[in-house]
């Protein structure tokens, strides 16, 4: 399951350098578990406990554990990832690998990802993310734009629009347009090392895909995350 925003949206406080690394820990709740335009849980939301360590050589190590908030839903997962990022002019590139473990389902997956963002425009930042799943033997692409608005020294609003394209990743029988997501994050710096992030997103799945799979076309969810940097 592709979760581009899991750390990128939640871990948005300013980190400090410790032993040539930046460390962040995040605890959060999302009212729904939406990815690829689909709700991954039968009902209820999901709790997340995440962490990341970013090193000066461009390598980031990350871990995220999620479990269903509703006691009637038997679901959890663990993501362990390594990513390498670098910049060339106004372009930012990354490549990464994630191991996914679904303990209660006794399943696992491997994902190889890559992406690029362009920061040379003053009014928005376009980006492209790609992921390939070895279990599904398919790929998923997200193309989007986002922009940060510093409302004051502690408050930052980041609206975004993302279009998702599926190539055998979420549905082996449906290639092409998958969903469109419109959302925003609002980050508030409580202290130099502690930040609060609110997330709101509305996703509209491709209508033909939704009819084929019998899922809801429109999904709206919100999240709240508390992040520490040290």
Protein backbone atom coordinates (compact mmCIF):
# COMPACT_ATOMS: atom_id res chain seq x y z
CA UNK A 1 0.00 0.00 0.00
CA UNK A 2 1.46 3.30 -1.07
CA UNK A 3 1.57 5.90 1.67
CA UNK A 4 3.57 8.78 0.27
CA UNK A 5 2.31 11.19 2.93
CA UNK A 6 2.76 9.09 6.04
CA UNK A 7 6.02 10.70 7.15
CA UNK A 8 6.18 13.62 4.72
CA UNK A 9 2.93 15.11 5.97
CA UNK A 10 3.16 14.16 9.62
CA UNK A 11 6.83 14.89 10.34
CA UNK A 12 6.95 18.59 9.54
CA UNK A 13 8.66 20.15 12.55
CA UNK A 14 12.14 21.63 12.28
CA UNK A 15 14.73 19.12 13.42
CA UNK A 16 18.02 19.78 15.18
CA UNK A 17 21.30 18.07 14.34
CA UNK A 18 22.39 15.38 16.78
CA UNK A 19 25.41 13.24 15.97
CA UNK A 20 25.21 14.22 12.28
CA UNK A 21 21.57 13.15 12.08
CA UNK A 22 18.05 14.52 12.39
CA UNK A 23 15.64 12.44 14.47
CA UNK A 24 11.86 12.68 14.51
CA UNK A 25 9.18 10.68 16.30
CA UNK A 26 5.50 11.00 15.46
CA UNK A 27 2.32 9.77 17.14
CA UNK A 28 -0.94 10.29 15.28
CA UNK A 29 -4.49 9.31 14.49
CA UNK A 30 -6.24 9.33 11.09
CA UNK A 31 -10.03 9.06 10.95
CA UNK A 32 -9.78 6.71 7.95
CA UNK A 33 -6.93 4.73 6.42
CA UNK A 34 -7.08 5.95 2.82
CA UNK A 35 -4.52 5.01 0.18
CA UNK A 36 -4.86 4.65 -3.59
CA UNK A 37 -8.37 6.09 -3.30
CA UNK A 38 -9.53 3.18 -1.11
CA UNK A 39 -10.39 2.78 2.56
CA UNK A 40 -8.17 -0.05 3.81
CA UNK A 41 -10.30 -0.72 6.90
CA UNK A 42 -13.89 -1.94 7.18
CA UNK A 43 -14.64 0.89 9.59
CA UNK A 44 -12.96 3.35 11.93
CA UNK A 45 -9.58 5.02 11.82
CA UNK A 46 -5.98 4.08 12.47
CA UNK A 47 -3.31 4.99 15.02
CA UNK A 48 0.28 5.55 13.90
CA UNK A 49 3.60 5.50 15.72
CA UNK A 50 6.41 6.56 13.39
CA UNK A 51 10.03 7.54 13.51
CA UNK A 52 12.75 8.69 11.12
CA UNK A 53 16.47 9.37 11.26
CA UNK A 54 17.92 11.51 8.49
CA UNK A 55 21.70 11.57 8.04
CA UNK A 56 23.93 14.16 6.40
CA UNK A 57 24.90 11.72 3.63
CA UNK A 58 21.32 11.82 2.32
CA UNK A 59 20.17 8.51 3.82
CA UNK A 60 16.96 8.35 5.88
CA UNK A 61 15.88 5.36 7.94
CA UNK A 62 12.21 5.15 8.89
CA UNK A 63 9.76 2.92 10.72
CA UNK A 64 6.00 3.20 11.07
CA UNK A 65 3.57 0.97 12.95
CA UNK A 66 -0.17 1.35 12.41
CA UNK A 67 -3.09 -0.46 14.03
CA UNK A 68 -6.85 -0.15 13.69
CA UNK A 69 -8.50 2.19 16.17
CA UNK A 70 -11.76 0.20 16.20
CA UNK A 71 -11.47 -2.88 18.43
CA UNK A 72 -13.74 -4.82 16.03
CA UNK A 73 -11.24 -4.39 13.18
CA UNK A 74 -8.32 -6.84 13.28
CA UNK A 75 -5.57 -4.97 11.41
CA UNK A 76 -2.02 -3.81 11.93
CA UNK A 77 1.08 -3.22 9.83
CA UNK A 78 4.76 -2.35 10.13
CA UNK A 79 6.75 -0.41 7.52
CA UNK A 80 10.56 -0.37 7.63
CA UNK A 81 12.24 1.83 5.07
CA UNK A 82 15.52 3.21 3.82
CA UNK A 83 15.71 6.17 1.45
CA UNK A 84 18.44 8.13 -0.28
CA UNK A 85 17.81 11.72 -1.32
CA UNK A 86 19.90 14.33 -3.11
CA UNK A 87 19.49 17.66 -4.88
CA UNK A 88 20.59 18.87 -8.30
CA UNK A 89 19.91 22.56 -8.75
CA UNK A 90 16.23 23.16 -8.01
CA UNK A 91 15.40 19.45 -8.28
CA UNK A 92 15.15 17.07 -5.32
CA UNK A 93 15.41 13.34 -6.01
CA UNK A 94 14.95 10.27 -3.84
CA UNK A 95 14.95 6.50 -4.13
CA UNK A 96 13.95 4.04 -1.46
CA UNK A 97 12.99 0.56 -0.32
CA UNK A 98 10.25 -0.37 2.15
CA UNK A 99 9.49 -3.69 3.78
CA UNK A 100 5.85 -4.05 4.79
CA UNK A 101 4.66 -6.62 7.33
CA UNK A 102 0.96 -7.30 7.95
CA UNK A 103 1.15 -9.43 11.07
CA UNK A 104 -2.50 -10.27 11.67
CA UNK A 105 -2.97 -11.14 7.99
CA UNK A 106 0.35 -13.03 7.91
CA UNK A 107 1.35 -11.21 4.74
CA UNK A 108 4.29 -9.09 3.60
CA UNK A 109 5.40 -6.96 0.68
CA UNK A 110 8.45 -5.18 -0.70
CA UNK A 111 8.20 -1.77 -2.31
CA UNK A 112 10.77 0.09 -4.39
CA UNK A 113 10.08 3.80 -4.74
CA UNK A 114 11.48 6.90 -6.41
CA UNK A 115 10.45 10.49 -6.81
CA UNK A 116 11.39 13.98 -7.89
CA UNK A 117 10.22 17.45 -6.86
CA UNK A 118 10.99 20.80 -8.46
CA UNK A 119 11.47 23.76 -6.13
CA UNK A 120 12.36 26.44 -8.65
CA UNK A 121 8.88 27.97 -8.85
CA UNK A 122 7.76 30.63 -6.42
CA UNK A 123 4.06 29.76 -6.45
CA UNK A 124 3.97 25.94 -6.18
CA UNK A 125 6.14 22.81 -6.08
CA UNK A 126 5.34 20.01 -8.54
CA UNK A 127 6.34 16.44 -7.69
CA UNK A 128 6.09 12.88 -8.99
CA UNK A 129 6.26 9.72 -6.87
CA UNK A 130 6.57 6.16 -8.18
CA UNK A 131 6.36 2.85 -6.31
CA UNK A 132 6.62 -0.78 -7.43
CA UNK A 133 5.23 -3.64 -5.36
CA UNK A 134 6.84 -7.08 -5.67
CA UNK A 135 3.75 -8.75 -4.21
CA UNK A 136 1.31 -7.11 -6.63
CA UNK A 137 3.87 -7.03 -9.46
CA UNK A 138 2.54 -3.61 -10.35
CA UNK A 139 3.31 0.06 -9.95
CA UNK A 140 1.54 3.22 -8.83
CA UNK A 141 2.30 6.83 -9.79
CA UNK A 142 1.25 10.01 -8.01
CA UNK A 143 1.60 13.40 -9.72
CA UNK A 144 0.92 16.46 -7.63
CA UNK A 145 1.55 20.04 -6.65
CA UNK A 146 1.87 21.61 -3.22
CA UNK A 147 2.79 24.94 -1.68
CA UNK A 148 3.77 26.11 1.78
CA UNK A 149 2.26 29.28 3.23
CA UNK A 150 3.95 30.59 6.38
CA UNK A 151 1.02 32.21 8.18
CA UNK A 152 3.35 33.34 10.96
CA UNK A 153 6.60 32.17 12.58
CA UNK A 154 4.96 29.05 14.02
CA UNK A 155 2.05 28.25 11.69
CA UNK A 156 2.47 26.75 8.19
CA UNK A 157 -0.35 25.78 5.82
CA UNK A 158 0.44 23.39 2.95
CA UNK A 159 -2.37 22.69 0.47
CA UNK A 160 -1.85 19.99 -2.17
CA UNK A 161 -3.50 18.27 -5.12
CA UNK A 162 -2.51 14.71 -6.13
CA UNK A 163 -3.59 12.58 -9.09
CA UNK A 164 -3.02 8.83 -8.79
CA UNK A 165 -2.40 6.41 -11.68
CA UNK A 166 -2.57 2.64 -11.17
CA UNK A 167 -0.66 0.10 -13.26
CA UNK A 168 -1.45 -3.24 -11.66
CA UNK A 169 -0.59 -2.06 -8.15
CA UNK A 170 -3.98 -1.70 -6.44
CA UNK A 171 -6.10 -3.41 -9.11
CA UNK A 172 -4.55 -5.81 -11.64
CA UNK A 173 -7.51 -5.29 -13.99
CA UNK A 174 -7.52 -1.48 -14.08
CA UNK A 175 -4.69 0.53 -15.60
CA UNK A 176 -4.61 4.32 -15.75
CA UNK A 177 -6.53 6.96 -13.82
CA UNK A 178 -7.18 5.90 -10.22
CA UNK A 179 -8.07 8.87 -8.00
CA UNK A 180 -7.74 12.58 -7.34
CA UNK A 181 -6.96 13.90 -3.84
CA UNK A 182 -7.24 17.46 -2.58
CA UNK A 183 -6.03 18.26 0.92
CA UNK A 184 -3.97 20.38 3.23
CA UNK A 185 -1.78 20.13 6.29
CA UNK A 186 -1.59 22.74 9.02
CA UNK A 187 1.56 22.58 11.09
CA UNK A 188 1.96 24.45 14.36
CA UNK A 189 5.35 24.68 16.09
CA UNK A 190 4.56 24.33 19.79
CA UNK A 191 8.22 24.53 20.85
CA UNK A 192 11.59 24.27 19.08
CA UNK A 193 11.32 20.47 19.23
CA UNK A 194 7.58 19.79 19.40
CA UNK A 195 5.05 20.28 16.61
CA UNK A 196 1.37 19.57 16.00
CA UNK A 197 0.06 18.75 12.52
CA UNK A 198 -3.55 18.65 11.35
CA UNK A 199 -4.39 16.92 8.06
CA UNK A 200 -7.60 17.08 6.02
CA UNK A 201 -8.11 15.37 2.65
CA UNK A 202 -10.90 14.59 0.21
CA UNK A 203 -10.32 11.83 -2.33
CA UNK A 204 -12.43 11.04 -5.38
CA UNK A 205 -11.79 7.63 -6.91
CA UNK A 206 -12.14 6.96 -10.63
CA UNK A 207 -15.83 6.17 -11.11
CA UNK A 208 -15.31 3.16 -13.35
CA UNK A 209 -12.74 1.70 -10.96
CA UNK A 210 -15.08 2.30 -8.00
CA UNK A 211 -17.97 0.56 -9.78
CA UNK A 212 -15.78 -2.41 -10.71
CA UNK A 213 -14.59 -2.86 -7.13
CA UNK A 214 -17.81 -1.87 -5.38
CA UNK A 215 -16.13 0.80 -3.26
CA UNK A 216 -17.12 4.35 -2.33
CA UNK A 217 -16.24 6.97 -4.92
CA UNK A 218 -15.66 9.80 -2.44
CA UNK A 219 -13.66 9.59 0.78
CA UNK A 220 -12.98 12.37 3.28
CA UNK A 221 -10.70 11.97 6.27
CA UNK A 222 -8.78 14.00 8.82
CA UNK A 223 -5.78 13.38 11.04
CA UNK A 224 -3.88 14.83 13.96
CA UNK A 225 -0.19 14.10 14.66
CA UNK A 226 2.20 15.14 17.39
CA UNK A 227 5.86 15.20 16.38
CA UNK A 228 9.07 15.49 18.38
CA UNK A 229 12.49 16.34 16.96
CA UNK A 230 15.66 15.66 18.89
